[in-house]
Amino acid sequence: MPEKRFPRPVRATKHCRHYSWERGGLMMFGFPKCARGVDLSYPGSSQMCMPDGGLPRGLCAQREEYTDEERAAWAAFQAECMERVSAAVDALPAPIPLNTQGKIACPNCGGELRFARWHRGSAIACETENCVEARFSIEAGADWPTPLTEEADDV
């Protein structure tokens, strides 16, 4: 496994620090959840957890905000993730034939970057935790990834 690491900071959104979305089972959509035990099961109750909207934030005595430093670290991590995805896609053999899969050395960490292509989609995933993982929707019949051309760079 490669030496390079990508530590994930706290996911500091503009929601309350205690808010999360609990995924449901196979046929369930999911529901909001409060880590402090506030009942969010009735209609509109999770509005006090939302960023800049809904009920005033003061209605929940348990609400806590993320710090500016936590939010900055999360925003920087997201930007770095997008750069790694872009570098990984640029490193793929182009175009990838339909219904194929393969692996190459990850340009970000040197680990194993797996890729797959099917009719209207593709996916990439690196073995290194938090390095690269993404799925893409692709127009039917389109080549992917599309090699960058000089004309595209001039536009």
Protein backbone atom coordinates (compact mmCIF):
# COMPACT_ATOMS: atom_id res chain seq x y z
CA MET A 1 0.00 0.00 0.00
CA PRO A 2 1.31 3.49 -0.81
CA GLU A 3 2.87 5.76 1.78
CA LYS A 4 0.91 8.92 0.93
CA ARG A 5 -2.05 9.65 3.21
CA PHE A 6 -5.05 11.92 2.85
CA PRO A 7 -6.48 12.53 6.33
CA ARG A 8 -10.14 13.49 6.30
CA PRO A 9 -11.06 16.42 8.55
CA VAL A 10 -14.38 16.80 10.35
CA ARG A 11 -17.19 17.20 7.77
CA ALA A 12 -17.93 20.77 8.82
CA THR A 13 -21.08 21.82 6.99
CA LYS A 14 -23.36 24.72 7.82
CA HIS A 15 -25.78 22.34 9.53
CA CYS A 16 -25.78 21.92 13.29
CA ARG A 17 -22.79 19.86 14.48
CA HIS A 18 -25.16 17.15 15.76
CA TYR A 19 -27.25 16.73 12.59
CA SER A 20 -26.86 13.71 10.31
CA TRP A 21 -28.94 11.83 7.78
CA GLU A 22 -29.49 8.19 8.66
CA ARG A 23 -29.83 6.02 5.57
CA GLY A 24 -32.82 3.74 5.57
CA GLY A 25 -32.99 0.07 4.69
CA LEU A 26 -33.50 -1.43 1.26
CA MET A 27 -36.91 0.16 0.65
CA MET A 28 -36.66 3.12 3.05
CA PHE A 29 -35.50 6.60 2.12
CA GLY A 30 -33.90 7.60 5.41
CA PHE A 31 -34.46 10.17 8.12
CA PRO A 32 -32.73 13.02 9.99
CA LYS A 33 -30.96 12.21 13.23
CA CYS A 34 -29.61 14.28 16.12
CA ALA A 35 -26.53 13.05 18.02
CA ARG A 36 -27.86 14.82 21.13
CA GLY A 37 -31.18 12.96 21.03
CA VAL A 38 -33.44 15.81 19.90
CA ASP A 39 -36.58 14.33 18.31
CA LEU A 40 -36.50 15.13 14.58
CA SER A 41 -39.29 12.76 13.59
CA TYR A 42 -42.14 15.25 13.20
CA PRO A 43 -42.60 17.33 10.01
CA GLY A 44 -40.36 20.39 9.90
CA SER A 45 -38.51 19.51 13.09
CA SER A 46 -35.11 19.28 11.39
CA GLN A 47 -35.38 22.86 10.08
CA MET A 48 -33.65 24.12 13.22
CA CYS A 49 -30.61 22.05 12.16
CA MET A 50 -30.43 23.51 8.65
CA PRO A 51 -28.11 26.28 7.45
CA ASP A 52 -29.56 29.77 7.15
CA GLY A 53 -33.19 28.82 6.69
CA GLY A 54 -36.23 27.33 8.27
CA LEU A 55 -36.79 27.92 11.94
CA PRO A 56 -34.49 30.28 13.83
CA ARG A 57 -31.41 28.53 15.16
CA GLY A 58 -32.19 29.61 18.70
CA LEU A 59 -35.13 27.20 18.92
CA CYS A 60 -32.81 24.27 19.68
CA ALA A 61 -30.86 24.59 22.91
CA GLN A 62 -28.56 21.76 21.76
CA ARG A 63 -27.42 23.44 18.49
CA GLU A 64 -23.68 23.87 18.08
CA GLU A 65 -21.87 25.37 15.10
CA TYR A 66 -18.64 24.15 13.56
CA THR A 67 -15.71 26.52 13.98
CA ASP A 68 -14.42 28.65 11.12
CA GLU A 69 -11.21 26.60 11.20
CA GLU A 70 -13.14 23.33 10.85
CA ARG A 71 -15.15 24.73 7.94
CA ALA A 72 -11.97 25.99 6.24
CA ALA A 73 -10.27 22.59 6.67
CA TRP A 74 -13.33 20.82 5.20
CA ALA A 75 -13.50 23.22 2.23
CA ALA A 76 -9.77 22.73 1.55
CA PHE A 77 -10.16 18.94 1.74
CA GLN A 78 -13.05 19.03 -0.76
CA ALA A 79 -11.00 21.15 -3.17
CA GLU A 80 -8.05 18.75 -2.87
CA CYS A 81 -10.39 15.80 -3.52
CA MET A 82 -11.60 17.41 -6.75
CA GLU A 83 -7.99 17.99 -7.86
CA ARG A 84 -7.18 14.32 -7.18
CA VAL A 85 -10.25 13.17 -9.15
CA SER A 86 -9.20 15.37 -12.06
CA ALA A 87 -5.63 14.03 -11.99
CA ALA A 88 -6.90 10.44 -11.84
CA VAL A 89 -9.24 10.90 -14.82
CA ASP A 90 -6.44 12.58 -16.80
CA ALA A 91 -4.20 9.54 -16.15
CA LEU A 92 -6.72 6.99 -17.47
CA PRO A 93 -6.21 5.40 -20.86
CA ALA A 94 -8.56 7.19 -23.23
CA PRO A 95 -11.07 6.23 -24.37
CA ILE A 96 -11.97 3.26 -22.20
CA PRO A 97 -13.95 0.68 -24.20
CA LEU A 98 -17.48 -0.14 -23.04
CA ASN A 99 -17.92 -2.94 -20.52
CA THR A 100 -14.28 -3.03 -19.46
CA GLN A 101 -12.38 -2.59 -16.26
CA GLY A 102 -8.74 -2.21 -15.39
CA LYS A 103 -6.19 -0.70 -13.07
CA ILE A 104 -3.27 1.69 -13.28
CA ALA A 105 -0.91 3.36 -10.82
CA CYS A 106 -2.67 6.26 -9.11
CA PRO A 107 -1.10 9.59 -10.10
CA ASN A 108 -1.89 11.01 -6.65
CA CYS A 109 -0.41 8.41 -4.33
CA GLY A 110 1.13 5.60 -6.38
CA GLY A 111 -1.44 3.10 -5.15
CA GLU A 112 -3.73 1.01 -7.34
CA LEU A 113 -6.38 3.01 -9.18
CA ARG A 114 -9.19 0.79 -10.51
CA PHE A 115 -11.54 1.92 -13.24
CA ALA A 116 -14.62 0.52 -14.97
CA ARG A 117 -16.76 1.65 -17.91
CA TRP A 118 -20.28 0.57 -18.84
CA HIS A 119 -23.08 1.80 -21.14
CA ARG A 120 -23.96 5.08 -19.42
CA GLY A 121 -21.43 5.32 -16.63
CA SER A 122 -17.99 4.76 -15.21
CA ALA A 123 -16.27 4.61 -11.86
CA ILE A 124 -12.79 5.10 -10.47
CA ALA A 125 -11.50 4.15 -7.02
CA CYS A 126 -8.05 4.18 -5.45
CA GLU A 127 -7.00 1.67 -2.81
CA THR A 128 -5.63 4.48 -0.62
CA GLU A 129 -8.15 5.77 1.90
CA ASN A 130 -9.60 9.20 0.98
CA CYS A 131 -7.51 9.43 -2.20
CA VAL A 132 -9.97 9.07 -5.10
CA GLU A 133 -13.39 7.54 -5.56
CA ALA A 134 -15.98 8.77 -8.05
CA ARG A 135 -18.80 7.66 -10.34
CA PHE A 136 -19.69 9.41 -13.57
CA SER A 137 -22.79 9.49 -15.75
CA ILE A 138 -21.87 9.42 -19.43
CA GLU A 139 -23.98 10.09 -22.50
CA ALA A 140 -24.81 6.92 -24.43
CA GLY A 141 -22.25 6.26 -27.13
CA ALA A 142 -19.81 8.93 -25.93
CA ASP A 143 -16.12 8.18 -25.48
CA TRP A 144 -14.82 8.46 -21.92
CA PRO A 145 -12.63 9.94 -20.76
CA THR A 146 -12.46 12.38 -23.61
CA PRO A 147 -8.86 13.31 -24.31
CA LEU A 148 -8.17 17.03 -24.00
CA THR A 149 -7.34 18.62 -27.32
CA GLU A 150 -5.58 21.85 -28.11
CA GLU A 151 -8.86 23.24 -29.48
CA ALA A 152 -10.61 22.55 -26.14
CA ASP A 153 -7.81 24.36 -24.30
CA ASP A 154 -8.18 27.41 -26.57
CA VAL A 155 -11.91 27.84 -25.93
